[in-house]
Amino acid sequence: MSKRKGVSFEEKRIRMLELFYEKREFFTLKELEKIAPKEKGIVAQAVKDVLQTLVDDGLVRSEKIGTSVYFWTFPGENITAVEQRISEASKKIVEAEFKLQKLKEVCEKEKIGREDTEERQILLHELEELKVKEDQLKQQIAKFSDADPEVIAKIAEKAQKYKEATNIWTDNIFAIQSWCKNKFDISEECLNKQFNIPDDLDYKE
């Protein structure tokens, strides 16, 4: 019998996001440590680290309410966050390539030839790492946006579904506002400020 291949850290991140999308609820860390192993095959010991990287990358939100910290994510937010990370990675690649080109010009002027300097080696390594990171981010956004050839023709239909989902979540937000105000005795103004909820939040027409 062949040894079963373990789940990569990146796959765990994707599965965790799927859990949030499917449940569409707020969770504490303890709740996720119970649910994730059963439904997504993420071992309980890995949940905290996986969750923290998603929070650090802006793919999952977290806020302390009362004495507990809650985690959640809304549809559509992750695509924007990952696109921003790709943009930042691309900018760093351009900067690294520019530095490398300048260094090559200096080497040629000084007739260094193929002799590698420590600075050049560092830049080459940095450039390679950035390119790998950009590729990984592009793979992520492809999964988040479902942008594969089979669904390109359904973009208009998906746009309508996202609009409907947005309105559903707007309704959910209003319901959560009411629940939090009653549960934790928090004013709507304070709640909106803490969760960055726009005062003019309304349904999409």
N, C-alpha and C. Protein backbone atom coordinates (compact mmCIF):
# COMPACT_ATOMS: atom_id res chain seq x y z
N MET A 1 0.85 -1.21 0.00
CA MET A 1 0.00 0.00 0.00
C MET A 1 0.88 1.25 0.00
N SER A 2 0.57 2.20 -0.92
CA SER A 2 1.37 3.42 -0.99
C SER A 2 1.02 4.35 0.16
N LYS A 3 2.02 5.09 0.58
CA LYS A 3 1.81 6.01 1.69
C LYS A 3 0.95 7.19 1.24
N ARG A 4 -0.03 7.52 2.03
CA ARG A 4 -0.94 8.62 1.69
C ARG A 4 -0.21 9.96 1.77
N LYS A 5 -0.35 10.73 0.69
CA LYS A 5 0.32 12.03 0.62
C LYS A 5 -0.37 13.03 1.55
N GLY A 6 0.42 13.76 2.32
CA GLY A 6 -0.14 14.75 3.23
C GLY A 6 -0.68 15.97 2.50
N VAL A 7 -1.51 16.72 3.18
CA VAL A 7 -2.10 17.93 2.60
C VAL A 7 -1.11 19.08 2.76
N SER A 8 -0.82 19.78 1.66
CA SER A 8 0.13 20.89 1.72
C SER A 8 -0.48 22.05 2.50
N PHE A 9 0.38 22.95 2.97
CA PHE A 9 -0.09 24.10 3.74
C PHE A 9 -1.00 24.98 2.88
N GLU A 10 -0.63 25.16 1.60
CA GLU A 10 -1.44 25.98 0.70
C GLU A 10 -2.82 25.37 0.50
N GLU A 11 -2.88 24.04 0.39
CA GLU A 11 -4.16 23.36 0.23
C GLU A 11 -5.02 23.52 1.49
N LYS A 12 -4.36 23.53 2.65
CA LYS A 12 -5.09 23.74 3.91
C LYS A 12 -5.71 25.14 3.93
N ARG A 13 -4.97 26.12 3.41
CA ARG A 13 -5.49 27.50 3.34
C ARG A 13 -6.75 27.54 2.47
N ILE A 14 -6.66 26.88 1.33
CA ILE A 14 -7.80 26.88 0.40
C ILE A 14 -9.00 26.17 1.02
N ARG A 15 -8.75 25.06 1.69
CA ARG A 15 -9.85 24.32 2.34
C ARG A 15 -10.49 25.14 3.46
N MET A 16 -9.66 25.89 4.18
CA MET A 16 -10.20 26.72 5.26
C MET A 16 -11.11 27.81 4.68
N LEU A 17 -10.69 28.41 3.57
CA LEU A 17 -11.52 29.42 2.93
C LEU A 17 -12.83 28.81 2.44
N GLU A 18 -12.74 27.60 1.89
CA GLU A 18 -13.96 26.92 1.44
C GLU A 18 -14.93 26.71 2.60
N LEU A 19 -14.39 26.40 3.77
CA LEU A 19 -15.23 26.20 4.95
C LEU A 19 -16.00 27.48 5.29
N PHE A 20 -15.31 28.62 5.25
CA PHE A 20 -15.97 29.90 5.53
C PHE A 20 -17.05 30.18 4.49
N TYR A 21 -16.73 29.93 3.20
CA TYR A 21 -17.70 30.20 2.13
C TYR A 21 -18.95 29.33 2.26
N GLU A 22 -18.73 28.07 2.60
CA GLU A 22 -19.85 27.14 2.69
C GLU A 22 -20.74 27.41 3.90
N LYS A 23 -20.13 27.73 5.02
CA LYS A 23 -20.88 27.94 6.27
C LYS A 23 -21.48 29.34 6.37
N ARG A 24 -20.72 30.33 5.86
CA ARG A 24 -21.17 31.73 5.92
C ARG A 24 -21.56 32.14 7.34
N GLU A 25 -20.67 31.82 8.28
CA GLU A 25 -20.93 32.14 9.68
C GLU A 25 -19.67 32.72 10.32
N PHE A 26 -19.85 33.20 11.54
CA PHE A 26 -18.74 33.69 12.35
C PHE A 26 -18.26 32.53 13.23
N PHE A 27 -16.94 32.39 13.38
CA PHE A 27 -16.40 31.29 14.19
C PHE A 27 -15.34 31.79 15.16
N THR A 28 -15.25 31.11 16.30
CA THR A 28 -14.11 31.30 17.19
C THR A 28 -13.06 30.27 16.79
N LEU A 29 -11.83 30.44 17.31
CA LEU A 29 -10.76 29.49 17.00
C LEU A 29 -11.13 28.09 17.47
N LYS A 30 -11.70 27.99 18.66
CA LYS A 30 -12.06 26.67 19.20
C LYS A 30 -13.10 25.98 18.33
N GLU A 31 -14.04 26.75 17.81
CA GLU A 31 -15.06 26.17 16.93
C GLU A 31 -14.44 25.64 15.65
N LEU A 32 -13.50 26.41 15.09
CA LEU A 32 -12.83 25.98 13.86
C LEU A 32 -11.96 24.76 14.08
N GLU A 33 -11.35 24.68 15.27
CA GLU A 33 -10.50 23.52 15.58
C GLU A 33 -11.34 22.23 15.68
N LYS A 34 -12.63 22.38 15.93
CA LYS A 34 -13.52 21.21 15.98
C LYS A 34 -14.10 20.89 14.60
N ILE A 35 -14.45 21.93 13.85
CA ILE A 35 -15.12 21.74 12.57
C ILE A 35 -14.16 21.38 11.44
N ALA A 36 -13.03 22.10 11.34
CA ALA A 36 -12.10 21.92 10.22
C ALA A 36 -11.58 20.49 10.05
N PRO A 37 -11.21 19.79 11.13
CA PRO A 37 -10.74 18.41 10.96
C PRO A 37 -11.81 17.49 10.38
N LYS A 38 -13.06 17.67 10.82
CA LYS A 38 -14.15 16.79 10.39
C LYS A 38 -14.57 17.06 8.95
N GLU A 39 -14.67 18.34 8.59
CA GLU A 39 -15.25 18.68 7.30
C GLU A 39 -14.21 18.96 6.22
N LYS A 40 -12.98 19.35 6.61
CA LYS A 40 -11.99 19.71 5.60
C LYS A 40 -10.67 18.96 5.74
N GLY A 41 -10.58 18.05 6.68
CA GLY A 41 -9.36 17.26 6.82
C GLY A 41 -8.14 18.04 7.25
N ILE A 42 -8.36 19.16 7.94
CA ILE A 42 -7.25 19.97 8.47
C ILE A 42 -7.08 19.58 9.94
N VAL A 43 -5.92 19.07 10.29
CA VAL A 43 -5.72 18.64 11.68
C VAL A 43 -5.86 19.83 12.63
N ALA A 44 -6.41 19.58 13.79
CA ALA A 44 -6.71 20.65 14.75
C ALA A 44 -5.47 21.47 15.10
N GLN A 45 -4.30 20.79 15.19
CA GLN A 45 -3.07 21.49 15.57
C GLN A 45 -2.63 22.51 14.51
N ALA A 46 -3.10 22.34 13.26
CA ALA A 46 -2.67 23.24 12.18
C ALA A 46 -3.63 24.40 11.96
N VAL A 47 -4.82 24.31 12.54
CA VAL A 47 -5.87 25.30 12.28
C VAL A 47 -5.41 26.72 12.64
N LYS A 48 -4.80 26.89 13.79
CA LYS A 48 -4.41 28.23 14.25
C LYS A 48 -3.42 28.87 13.28
N ASP A 49 -2.38 28.12 12.86
CA ASP A 49 -1.37 28.67 11.95
C ASP A 49 -1.97 28.99 10.59
N VAL A 50 -2.81 28.08 10.08
CA VAL A 50 -3.45 28.31 8.78
C VAL A 50 -4.32 29.56 8.84
N LEU A 51 -5.10 29.66 9.90
CA LEU A 51 -6.00 30.80 10.08
C LEU A 51 -5.23 32.11 10.18
N GLN A 52 -4.11 32.09 10.92
CA GLN A 52 -3.33 33.31 11.11
C GLN A 52 -2.75 33.82 9.79
N THR A 53 -2.28 32.90 8.93
CA THR A 53 -1.73 33.34 7.64
C THR A 53 -2.82 33.95 6.76
N LEU A 54 -4.03 33.41 6.85
CA LEU A 54 -5.15 33.97 6.07
C LEU A 54 -5.52 35.36 6.58
N VAL A 55 -5.47 35.54 7.89
CA VAL A 55 -5.73 36.86 8.49
C VAL A 55 -4.63 37.84 8.08
N ASP A 56 -3.37 37.39 8.15
CA ASP A 56 -2.23 38.25 7.79
C ASP A 56 -2.31 38.68 6.33
N ASP A 57 -2.82 37.80 5.46
CA ASP A 57 -2.91 38.10 4.03
C ASP A 57 -4.19 38.85 3.67
N GLY A 58 -5.02 39.14 4.66
CA GLY A 58 -6.25 39.89 4.40
C GLY A 58 -7.36 39.06 3.78
N LEU A 59 -7.23 37.73 3.82
CA LEU A 59 -8.24 36.86 3.23
C LEU A 59 -9.33 36.47 4.22
N VAL A 60 -9.03 36.59 5.49
CA VAL A 60 -10.02 36.34 6.56
C VAL A 60 -9.95 37.50 7.55
N ARG A 61 -11.09 37.93 8.02
CA ARG A 61 -11.13 39.03 9.00
C ARG A 61 -11.28 38.48 10.41
N SER A 62 -10.84 39.26 11.37
CA SER A 62 -11.00 38.86 12.77
C SER A 62 -11.24 40.10 13.63
N GLU A 63 -12.10 39.96 14.61
CA GLU A 63 -12.39 41.06 15.54
C GLU A 63 -12.73 40.46 16.90
N LYS A 64 -12.35 41.20 17.94
CA LYS A 64 -12.69 40.77 19.29
C LYS A 64 -14.04 41.37 19.66
N ILE A 65 -14.98 40.50 20.02
CA ILE A 65 -16.31 40.94 20.46
C ILE A 65 -16.52 40.38 21.86
N GLY A 66 -16.64 41.28 22.82
CA GLY A 66 -16.73 40.82 24.20
C GLY A 66 -15.41 40.20 24.62
N THR A 67 -15.42 38.96 25.04
CA THR A 67 -14.19 38.28 25.47
C THR A 67 -13.69 37.29 24.42
N SER A 68 -14.38 37.17 23.29
CA SER A 68 -13.99 36.20 22.27
C SER A 68 -13.56 36.88 20.97
N VAL A 69 -12.67 36.21 20.23
CA VAL A 69 -12.24 36.68 18.91
C VAL A 69 -12.98 35.87 17.86
N TYR A 70 -13.66 36.56 16.94
CA TYR A 70 -14.42 35.89 15.89
C TYR A 70 -13.73 36.05 14.54
N PHE A 71 -13.84 35.02 13.71
CA PHE A 71 -13.23 35.02 12.38
C PHE A 71 -14.32 34.84 11.33
N TRP A 72 -14.17 35.53 10.17
CA TRP A 72 -15.14 35.38 9.09
C TRP A 72 -14.54 35.94 7.80
N THR A 73 -15.20 35.65 6.70
CA THR A 73 -14.84 36.26 5.42
C THR A 73 -16.09 36.31 4.56
N PHE A 74 -16.19 37.34 3.70
CA PHE A 74 -17.35 37.53 2.85
C PHE A 74 -17.01 37.26 1.39
N PRO A 75 -17.97 36.78 0.59
CA PRO A 75 -17.72 36.51 -0.83
C PRO A 75 -17.26 37.76 -1.56
N GLY A 76 -16.31 37.62 -2.46
CA GLY A 76 -15.85 38.74 -3.27
C GLY A 76 -14.68 39.49 -2.68
N GLU A 77 -14.52 39.47 -1.36
CA GLU A 77 -13.44 40.23 -0.73
C GLU A 77 -12.07 39.64 -1.06
N ASN A 78 -11.97 38.32 -1.12
CA ASN A 78 -10.67 37.68 -1.31
C ASN A 78 -10.05 37.95 -2.66
N ILE A 79 -10.88 38.05 -3.69
CA ILE A 79 -10.35 38.31 -5.02
C ILE A 79 -9.60 39.63 -5.03
N THR A 80 -10.20 40.66 -4.44
CA THR A 80 -9.55 41.97 -4.37
C THR A 80 -8.25 41.91 -3.58
N ALA A 81 -8.26 41.19 -2.46
CA ALA A 81 -7.07 41.09 -1.62
C ALA A 81 -5.93 40.40 -2.35
N VAL A 82 -6.23 39.31 -3.05
CA VAL A 82 -5.18 38.57 -3.76
C VAL A 82 -4.67 39.37 -4.95
N GLU A 83 -5.57 40.06 -5.66
CA GLU A 83 -5.14 40.91 -6.77
C GLU A 83 -4.17 41.98 -6.28
N GLN A 84 -4.43 42.53 -5.10
CA GLN A 84 -3.55 43.54 -4.53
C GLN A 84 -2.18 42.95 -4.24
N ARG A 85 -2.15 41.72 -3.72
CA ARG A 85 -0.88 41.06 -3.41
C ARG A 85 -0.10 40.76 -4.69
N ILE A 86 -0.80 40.38 -5.77
CA ILE A 86 -0.14 40.14 -7.05
C ILE A 86 0.48 41.43 -7.57
N SER A 87 -0.28 42.53 -7.44
CA SER A 87 0.22 43.83 -7.89
C SER A 87 1.49 44.22 -7.14
N GLU A 88 1.48 44.00 -5.81
CA GLU A 88 2.65 44.33 -5.00
C GLU A 88 3.84 43.44 -5.36
N ALA A 89 3.58 42.15 -5.59
CA ALA A 89 4.66 41.22 -5.95
C ALA A 89 5.24 41.58 -7.31
N SER A 90 4.37 41.96 -8.27
CA SER A 90 4.83 42.34 -9.60
C SER A 90 5.71 43.58 -9.54
N LYS A 91 5.32 44.53 -8.69
CA LYS A 91 6.11 45.75 -8.53
C LYS A 91 7.50 45.43 -7.98
N LYS A 92 7.57 44.51 -7.00
CA LYS A 92 8.86 44.13 -6.43
C LYS A 92 9.73 43.42 -7.46
N ILE A 93 9.10 42.63 -8.34
CA ILE A 93 9.85 41.93 -9.38
C ILE A 93 10.47 42.94 -10.34
N VAL A 94 9.68 43.95 -10.74
CA VAL A 94 10.20 44.98 -11.64
C VAL A 94 11.37 45.71 -10.99
N GLU A 95 11.23 46.04 -9.71
CA GLU A 95 12.31 46.74 -9.00
C GLU A 95 13.57 45.88 -8.93
N ALA A 96 13.38 44.57 -8.65
CA ALA A 96 14.53 43.67 -8.55
C ALA A 96 15.21 43.50 -9.90
N GLU A 97 14.41 43.40 -10.97
CA GLU A 97 14.99 43.26 -12.31
C GLU A 97 15.75 44.52 -12.71
N PHE A 98 15.23 45.67 -12.30
CA PHE A 98 15.91 46.94 -12.59
C PHE A 98 17.27 47.00 -11.88
N LYS A 99 17.28 46.61 -10.60
CA LYS A 99 18.54 46.59 -9.84
C LYS A 99 19.54 45.62 -10.46
N LEU A 100 19.03 44.46 -10.89
CA LEU A 100 19.90 43.45 -11.48
C LEU A 100 20.50 43.95 -12.78
N GLN A 101 19.68 44.62 -13.59
CA GLN A 101 20.16 45.16 -14.85
C GLN A 101 21.23 46.22 -14.62
N LYS A 102 21.00 47.08 -13.64
CA LYS A 102 21.99 48.11 -13.31
C LYS A 102 23.30 47.48 -12.87
N LEU A 103 23.20 46.43 -12.08
CA LEU A 103 24.40 45.76 -11.59
C LEU A 103 25.16 45.10 -12.74
N LYS A 104 24.42 44.53 -13.69
CA LYS A 104 25.06 43.93 -14.86
C LYS A 104 25.82 44.98 -15.66
N GLU A 105 25.21 46.17 -15.79
CA GLU A 105 25.87 47.25 -16.52
C GLU A 105 27.16 47.67 -15.84
N VAL A 106 27.12 47.73 -14.51
CA VAL A 106 28.33 48.09 -13.75
C VAL A 106 29.40 47.02 -13.95
N CYS A 107 28.99 45.75 -13.92
CA CYS A 107 29.93 44.65 -14.10
C CYS A 107 30.60 44.72 -15.47
N GLU A 108 29.79 45.03 -16.49
CA GLU A 108 30.33 45.11 -17.84
C GLU A 108 31.32 46.26 -17.96
N LYS A 109 30.97 47.38 -17.35
CA LYS A 109 31.86 48.55 -17.41
C LYS A 109 33.19 48.26 -16.73
N GLU A 110 33.12 47.53 -15.64
CA GLU A 110 34.34 47.24 -14.90
C GLU A 110 35.00 45.95 -15.39
N LYS A 111 34.43 45.38 -16.47
CA LYS A 111 34.99 44.17 -17.10
C LYS A 111 35.12 43.01 -16.10
N ILE A 112 34.07 42.88 -15.28
CA ILE A 112 34.08 41.79 -14.31
C ILE A 112 33.75 40.46 -15.01
N GLY A 113 33.02 40.55 -16.14
CA GLY A 113 32.69 39.35 -16.89
C GLY A 113 31.70 38.49 -16.16
N ARG A 114 32.01 37.22 -16.05
CA ARG A 114 31.09 36.28 -15.42
C ARG A 114 31.33 36.13 -13.93
N GLU A 115 32.24 36.84 -13.40
CA GLU A 115 32.53 36.74 -11.97
C GLU A 115 31.33 37.25 -11.17
N ASP A 116 30.79 36.43 -10.32
CA ASP A 116 29.62 36.80 -9.52
C ASP A 116 30.03 37.57 -8.27
N THR A 117 29.30 38.65 -8.01
CA THR A 117 29.50 39.38 -6.76
C THR A 117 28.43 38.91 -5.78
N GLU A 118 28.67 39.14 -4.50
CA GLU A 118 27.70 38.73 -3.48
C GLU A 118 26.37 39.45 -3.68
N GLU A 119 26.44 40.74 -4.04
CA GLU A 119 25.22 41.52 -4.23
C GLU A 119 24.40 40.96 -5.39
N ARG A 120 25.09 40.57 -6.47
CA ARG A 120 24.39 40.03 -7.64
C ARG A 120 23.70 38.71 -7.29
N GLN A 121 24.37 37.88 -6.53
CA GLN A 121 23.78 36.61 -6.12
C GLN A 121 22.54 36.82 -5.26
N ILE A 122 22.60 37.80 -4.36
CA ILE A 122 21.45 38.11 -3.50
C ILE A 122 20.26 38.56 -4.34
N LEU A 123 20.54 39.44 -5.33
CA LEU A 123 19.48 39.95 -6.19
C LEU A 123 18.86 38.84 -7.03
N LEU A 124 19.70 37.95 -7.55
CA LEU A 124 19.19 36.84 -8.35
C LEU A 124 18.28 35.94 -7.51
N HIS A 125 18.70 35.69 -6.28
CA HIS A 125 17.90 34.86 -5.38
C HIS A 125 16.58 35.54 -5.04
N GLU A 126 16.64 36.84 -4.78
CA GLU A 126 15.43 37.61 -4.45
C GLU A 126 14.46 37.61 -5.62
N LEU A 127 15.00 37.79 -6.83
CA LEU A 127 14.17 37.83 -8.03
C LEU A 127 13.47 36.49 -8.25
N GLU A 128 14.20 35.41 -8.05
CA GLU A 128 13.63 34.08 -8.24
C GLU A 128 12.50 33.82 -7.23
N GLU A 129 12.72 34.23 -5.98
CA GLU A 129 11.70 34.03 -4.94
C GLU A 129 10.44 34.83 -5.25
N LEU A 130 10.63 36.06 -5.74
CA LEU A 130 9.48 36.91 -6.06
C LEU A 130 8.67 36.33 -7.22
N LYS A 131 9.37 35.78 -8.21
CA LYS A 131 8.66 35.19 -9.35
C LYS A 131 7.86 33.97 -8.92
N VAL A 132 8.43 33.17 -8.04
CA VAL A 132 7.72 31.99 -7.51
C VAL A 132 6.48 32.44 -6.74
N LYS A 133 6.64 33.49 -5.93
CA LYS A 133 5.53 34.00 -5.13
C LYS A 133 4.42 34.52 -6.03
N GLU A 134 4.80 35.22 -7.10
CA GLU A 134 3.80 35.76 -8.02
C GLU A 134 3.01 34.63 -8.68
N ASP A 135 3.71 33.57 -9.09
CA ASP A 135 3.04 32.41 -9.70
C ASP A 135 2.04 31.79 -8.73
N GLN A 136 2.46 31.68 -7.45
CA GLN A 136 1.57 31.10 -6.44
C GLN A 136 0.32 31.95 -6.25
N LEU A 137 0.51 33.26 -6.25
CA LEU A 137 -0.62 34.17 -6.06
C LEU A 137 -1.58 34.10 -7.24
N LYS A 138 -1.02 33.97 -8.45
CA LYS A 138 -1.87 33.86 -9.63
C LYS A 138 -2.68 32.58 -9.60
N GLN A 139 -2.09 31.52 -9.08
CA GLN A 139 -2.82 30.26 -8.94
C GLN A 139 -3.95 30.41 -7.93
N GLN A 140 -3.68 31.15 -6.86
CA GLN A 140 -4.71 31.38 -5.84
C GLN A 140 -5.90 32.13 -6.42
N ILE A 141 -5.61 33.22 -7.14
CA ILE A 141 -6.72 34.05 -7.63
C ILE A 141 -7.51 33.30 -8.70
N ALA A 142 -6.85 32.40 -9.43
CA ALA A 142 -7.56 31.59 -10.41
C ALA A 142 -8.58 30.70 -9.71
N LYS A 143 -8.20 30.16 -8.54
CA LYS A 143 -9.12 29.31 -7.79
C LYS A 143 -10.23 30.12 -7.15
N PHE A 144 -9.88 31.31 -6.59
CA PHE A 144 -10.88 32.12 -5.91
C PHE A 144 -11.93 32.65 -6.87
N SER A 145 -11.52 32.97 -8.11
CA SER A 145 -12.43 33.59 -9.07
C SER A 145 -13.07 32.60 -10.01
N ASP A 146 -12.70 31.31 -9.87
CA ASP A 146 -13.23 30.26 -10.76
C ASP A 146 -12.95 30.57 -12.22
N ALA A 147 -11.80 31.22 -12.48
CA ALA A 147 -11.50 31.67 -13.84
C ALA A 147 -10.83 30.58 -14.66
N ASP A 148 -11.53 29.46 -14.91
CA ASP A 148 -10.97 28.46 -15.80
C ASP A 148 -11.78 28.48 -17.10
N PRO A 149 -11.26 27.88 -18.17
CA PRO A 149 -11.90 28.00 -19.49
C PRO A 149 -13.36 27.56 -19.52
N GLU A 150 -13.73 26.62 -18.68
CA GLU A 150 -15.09 26.07 -18.73
C GLU A 150 -16.16 27.04 -18.23
N VAL A 151 -15.75 28.05 -17.46
CA VAL A 151 -16.77 28.95 -16.89
C VAL A 151 -16.68 30.37 -17.42
N ILE A 152 -15.75 30.62 -18.34
CA ILE A 152 -15.60 31.98 -18.87
C ILE A 152 -16.92 32.45 -19.48
N ALA A 153 -17.63 31.54 -20.17
CA ALA A 153 -18.88 31.91 -20.85
C ALA A 153 -19.98 32.27 -19.87
N LYS A 154 -19.80 31.93 -18.60
CA LYS A 154 -20.85 32.18 -17.61
C LYS A 154 -20.55 33.39 -16.73
N ILE A 155 -19.62 34.25 -17.16
CA ILE A 155 -19.22 35.39 -16.33
C ILE A 155 -20.41 36.31 -16.03
N ALA A 156 -21.23 36.57 -17.06
CA ALA A 156 -22.38 37.46 -16.86
C ALA A 156 -23.34 36.87 -15.83
N GLU A 157 -23.55 35.56 -15.95
CA GLU A 157 -24.43 34.88 -14.99
C GLU A 157 -23.86 34.93 -13.59
N LYS A 158 -22.54 34.73 -13.48
CA LYS A 158 -21.89 34.78 -12.17
C LYS A 158 -21.98 36.18 -11.57
N ALA A 159 -21.84 37.20 -12.44
CA ALA A 159 -21.91 38.58 -11.95
C ALA A 159 -23.26 38.83 -11.29
N GLN A 160 -24.32 38.29 -11.91
CA GLN A 160 -25.66 38.45 -11.34
C GLN A 160 -25.77 37.70 -10.01
N LYS A 161 -25.16 36.51 -9.97
CA LYS A 161 -25.20 35.72 -8.73
C LYS A 161 -24.44 36.42 -7.61
N TYR A 162 -23.28 37.04 -7.98
CA TYR A 162 -22.52 37.77 -6.97
C TYR A 162 -23.32 38.96 -6.45
N LYS A 163 -24.07 39.59 -7.36
CA LYS A 163 -24.90 40.72 -6.95
C LYS A 163 -25.96 40.24 -5.96
N GLU A 164 -26.58 39.09 -6.28
CA GLU A 164 -27.59 38.53 -5.39
C GLU A 164 -26.97 38.11 -4.06
N ALA A 165 -25.75 37.53 -4.15
CA ALA A 165 -25.06 37.11 -2.92
C ALA A 165 -24.71 38.32 -2.07
N THR A 166 -24.32 39.42 -2.76
CA THR A 166 -23.99 40.65 -2.04
C THR A 166 -25.20 41.15 -1.26
N ASN A 167 -26.36 41.11 -1.89
CA ASN A 167 -27.58 41.56 -1.22
C ASN A 167 -27.96 40.64 -0.06
N ILE A 168 -27.71 39.34 -0.24
CA ILE A 168 -27.96 38.40 0.85
C ILE A 168 -27.06 38.72 2.03
N TRP A 169 -25.78 39.00 1.71
CA TRP A 169 -24.84 39.30 2.79
C TRP A 169 -25.10 40.67 3.42
N THR A 170 -25.61 41.59 2.60
CA THR A 170 -26.01 42.88 3.16
C THR A 170 -27.12 42.66 4.17
N ASP A 171 -28.06 41.80 3.81
CA ASP A 171 -29.15 41.45 4.72
C ASP A 171 -28.61 40.77 5.98
N ASN A 172 -27.61 39.88 5.77
CA ASN A 172 -26.98 39.20 6.91
C ASN A 172 -26.29 40.19 7.85
N ILE A 173 -25.61 41.17 7.23
CA ILE A 173 -24.89 42.18 8.02
C ILE A 173 -25.88 42.95 8.89
N PHE A 174 -27.01 43.34 8.28
CA PHE A 174 -28.02 44.06 9.06
C PHE A 174 -28.52 43.19 10.22
N ALA A 175 -28.70 41.90 9.95
CA ALA A 175 -29.16 40.98 11.00
C ALA A 175 -28.11 40.84 12.10
N ILE A 176 -26.84 40.76 11.67
CA ILE A 176 -25.75 40.63 12.64
C ILE A 176 -25.61 41.90 13.48
N GLN A 177 -25.81 43.05 12.82
CA GLN A 177 -25.78 44.32 13.55
C GLN A 177 -26.80 44.28 14.69
N SER A 178 -28.00 43.86 14.35
CA SER A 178 -29.07 43.81 15.35
C SER A 178 -28.72 42.83 16.46
N TRP A 179 -28.19 41.66 16.08
CA TRP A 179 -27.83 40.63 17.07
C TRP A 179 -26.74 41.13 18.01
N CYS A 180 -25.70 41.76 17.45
CA CYS A 180 -24.58 42.25 18.26
C CYS A 180 -25.02 43.35 19.21
N LYS A 181 -25.89 44.24 18.71
CA LYS A 181 -26.36 45.34 19.55
C LYS A 181 -27.12 44.80 20.76
N ASN A 182 -27.94 43.78 20.53
CA ASN A 182 -28.72 43.20 21.63
C ASN A 182 -27.87 42.32 22.54
N LYS A 183 -26.93 41.56 21.92
CA LYS A 183 -26.12 40.60 22.67
C LYS A 183 -25.06 41.29 23.52
N PHE A 184 -24.39 42.30 22.94
CA PHE A 184 -23.25 42.92 23.63
C PHE A 184 -23.49 44.36 24.05
N ASP A 185 -24.74 44.83 23.84
CA ASP A 185 -25.10 46.19 24.23
C ASP A 185 -24.13 47.21 23.61
N ILE A 186 -23.94 47.11 22.29
CA ILE A 186 -23.06 48.01 21.55
C ILE A 186 -23.92 48.88 20.64
N SER A 187 -23.59 50.15 20.55
CA SER A 187 -24.34 51.05 19.68
C SER A 187 -24.02 50.74 18.22
N GLU A 188 -24.94 51.06 17.33
CA GLU A 188 -24.73 50.80 15.91
C GLU A 188 -23.54 51.59 15.38
N GLU A 189 -23.37 52.81 15.84
CA GLU A 189 -22.24 53.65 15.40
C GLU A 189 -20.91 53.01 15.79
N CYS A 190 -20.82 52.52 17.02
CA CYS A 190 -19.60 51.87 17.52
C CYS A 190 -19.35 50.57 16.76
N LEU A 191 -20.42 49.84 16.50
CA LEU A 191 -20.32 48.56 15.80
C LEU A 191 -19.82 48.78 14.37
N ASN A 192 -20.38 49.77 13.68
CA ASN A 192 -19.96 50.07 12.31
C ASN A 192 -18.50 50.47 12.25
N LYS A 193 -18.08 51.25 13.25
CA LYS A 193 -16.69 51.70 13.28
C LYS A 193 -15.74 50.54 13.53
N GLN A 194 -16.09 49.65 14.45
CA GLN A 194 -15.23 48.52 14.81
C GLN A 194 -15.08 47.54 13.66
N PHE A 195 -16.16 47.33 12.89
CA PHE A 195 -16.13 46.35 11.81
C PHE A 195 -15.98 47.00 10.43
N ASN A 196 -15.71 48.31 10.40
CA ASN A 196 -15.53 49.03 9.13
C ASN A 196 -16.76 48.87 8.21
N ILE A 197 -17.94 48.94 8.80
CA ILE A 197 -19.17 48.87 8.03
C ILE A 197 -19.57 50.28 7.61
N PRO A 198 -19.71 50.56 6.31
CA PRO A 198 -20.07 51.91 5.86
C PRO A 198 -21.44 52.32 6.41
N ASP A 199 -21.55 53.60 6.77
CA ASP A 199 -22.83 54.10 7.27
C ASP A 199 -23.91 54.05 6.20
N ASP A 200 -23.48 54.14 4.91
CA ASP A 200 -24.44 54.15 3.81
C ASP A 200 -24.63 52.76 3.18
N LEU A 201 -24.29 51.71 3.92
CA LEU A 201 -24.46 50.35 3.41
C LEU A 201 -25.91 50.12 3.01
N ASP A 202 -26.11 49.61 1.78
CA ASP A 202 -27.47 49.37 1.30
C ASP A 202 -27.43 48.24 0.27
N TYR A 203 -28.59 47.79 -0.15
CA TYR A 203 -28.69 46.71 -1.12
C TYR A 203 -28.29 47.20 -2.51
N LYS A 204 -27.71 46.29 -3.34
CA LYS A 204 -27.33 46.61 -4.71
C LYS A 204 -28.55 46.53 -5.62
N GLU A 205 -28.70 47.56 -6.45
CA GLU A 205 -29.83 47.58 -7.39
C GLU A 205 -29.45 46.87 -8.70
